[in-house]
C-alpha atoms as a PDB file:
ATOM      1  CA  MET A   1      81.475  89.202 116.906  1.00  0.00           C
ATOM      2  CA  ASP A   2      81.095  91.267 114.028  1.00  0.00           C
ATOM      3  CA  MET A   3      79.946  95.296 113.587  1.00  0.00           C
ATOM      4  CA  SER A   4      79.765  97.478 110.716  1.00  0.00           C
ATOM      5  CA  GLN A   5      81.466 100.627 111.378  1.00  0.00           C
ATOM      6  CA  THR A   6      81.365 103.579 108.356  1.00  0.00           C
ATOM      7  CA  ILE A   7      83.969 105.859 108.495  1.00  0.00           C
ATOM      8  CA  SER A   8      84.142 109.069 105.855  1.00  0.00           C
ATOM      9  CA  VAL A   9      86.350 109.291 103.019  1.00  0.00           C
ATOM     10  CA  GLU A  10      87.551 112.256 101.025  1.00  0.00           C
ATOM     11  CA  GLY A  11      89.150 112.280  97.896  1.00  0.00           C
ATOM     12  CA  MET A  12      87.621 109.585  95.900  1.00  0.00           C
ATOM     13  CA  THR A  13      86.677 110.701  92.649  1.00  0.00           C
ATOM     14  CA  CYS A  14      85.988 107.316  90.505  1.00  0.00           C
ATOM     15  CA  GLU A  15      85.847 103.693  90.951  1.00  0.00           C
ATOM     16  CA  HIS A  16      88.948 103.226  90.950  1.00  0.00           C
ATOM     17  CA  CYS A  17      89.126 105.204  93.937  1.00  0.00           C
ATOM     18  CA  GLU A  18      86.829 103.078  95.201  1.00  0.00           C
ATOM     19  CA  GLN A  19      88.648  99.912  94.957  1.00  0.00           C
ATOM     20  CA  THR A  20      91.605 101.053  96.180  1.00  0.00           C
ATOM     21  CA  VAL A  21      89.885 102.293  99.459  1.00  0.00           C
ATOM     22  CA  GLU A  22      88.266  98.892  99.626  1.00  0.00           C
ATOM     23  CA  GLU A  23      91.185  97.113  99.033  1.00  0.00           C
ATOM     24  CA  ALA A  24      93.695  98.945 101.734  1.00  0.00           C
ATOM     25  CA  LEU A  25      90.314  98.118 104.126  1.00  0.00           C
ATOM     26  CA  LYS A  26      90.274  94.649 103.459  1.00  0.00           C
ATOM     27  CA  GLU A  27      94.035  94.034 104.629  1.00  0.00           C
ATOM     28  CA  VAL A  28      93.348  95.022 108.178  1.00  0.00           C
ATOM     29  CA  ASP A  29      93.042  92.380 110.352  1.00  0.00           C
ATOM     30  CA  GLY A  30      89.196  91.675 111.542  1.00  0.00           C
ATOM     31  CA  VAL A  31      87.837  93.128 108.590  1.00  0.00           C
ATOM     32  CA  THR A  32      85.522  90.572 106.871  1.00  0.00           C
ATOM     33  CA  SER A  33      83.913  93.016 104.280  1.00  0.00           C
ATOM     34  CA  ALA A  34      84.251  96.908 103.228  1.00  0.00           C
ATOM     35  CA  THR A  35      82.117  98.782 100.759  1.00  0.00           C
ATOM     36  CA  ALA A  36      83.301 102.405  99.648  1.00  0.00           C
ATOM     37  CA  ASP A  37      80.918 104.913  98.490  1.00  0.00           C
ATOM     38  CA  ARG A  38      82.110 108.300  96.581  1.00  0.00           C
ATOM     39  CA  ASP A  39      79.025 109.847  96.415  1.00  0.00           C
ATOM     40  CA  SER A  40      78.538 109.578 100.026  1.00  0.00           C
ATOM     41  CA  GLU A  41      81.937 109.878 100.650  1.00  0.00           C
ATOM     42  CA  SER A  42      82.215 106.833 103.305  1.00  0.00           C
ATOM     43  CA  ALA A  43      83.068 103.465 103.725  1.00  0.00           C
ATOM     44  CA  THR A  44      81.470 100.545 105.625  1.00  0.00           C
ATOM     45  CA  VAL A  45      83.152  97.741 106.624  1.00  0.00           C
ATOM     46  CA  GLU A  46      81.993  95.182 108.713  1.00  0.00           C
ATOM     47  CA  GLY A  47      84.213  92.956 111.081  1.00  0.00           C
ATOM     48  CA  THR A  48      86.144  93.584 114.585  1.00  0.00           C
ATOM     49  CA  ALA A  49      88.696  96.038 113.261  1.00  0.00           C
ATOM     50  CA  GLU A  50      89.421  98.978 115.587  1.00  0.00           C
ATOM     51  CA  SER A  51      88.249 102.209 113.739  1.00  0.00           C
ATOM     52  CA  ASP A  52      91.628 103.879 114.273  1.00  0.00           C
ATOM     53  CA  ASP A  53      93.262 101.024 112.366  1.00  0.00           C
ATOM     54  CA  LEU A  54      90.738 101.605 109.364  1.00  0.00           C
ATOM     55  CA  VAL A  55      91.381 105.297 109.609  1.00  0.00           C
ATOM     56  CA  THR A  56      94.983 104.674 109.300  1.00  0.00           C
ATOM     57  CA  VAL A  57      95.426 102.022 106.080  1.00  0.00           C
ATOM     58  CA  VAL A  58      93.027 104.604 104.134  1.00  0.00           C
ATOM     59  CA  GLU A  59      95.039 107.484 104.984  1.00  0.00           C
ATOM     60  CA  ASP A  60      97.817 105.885 104.340  1.00  0.00           C
ATOM     61  CA  ALA A  61      96.110 105.060 100.512  1.00  0.00           C
ATOM     62  CA  GLY A  62      96.343 108.364  99.722  1.00  0.00           C
ATOM     63  CA  TYR A  63      92.439 109.760 100.914  1.00  0.00           C
ATOM     64  CA  ASP A  64      91.358 111.671 103.957  1.00  0.00           C
ATOM     65  CA  ALA A  65      89.270 109.534 106.352  1.00  0.00           C
ATOM     66  CA  SER A  66      87.841 109.921 109.884  1.00  0.00           C
ATOM     67  CA  THR A  67      85.273 108.246 112.153  1.00  0.00           C
END
């Protein structure tokens, strides 16, 4: 069953940053949608992915992330 998770993402400064984070998250197995918001310094993800996997891909994309 899909669930919604929100992770903290620091370092996004523009729309391109949001797109980079969203694209990285969508590559994770089990993610059905992802939305990043630089103003709230967070990303909301729908799907069945593990939160640790989400944090890892965001960090690999160059941003600080945590659950």
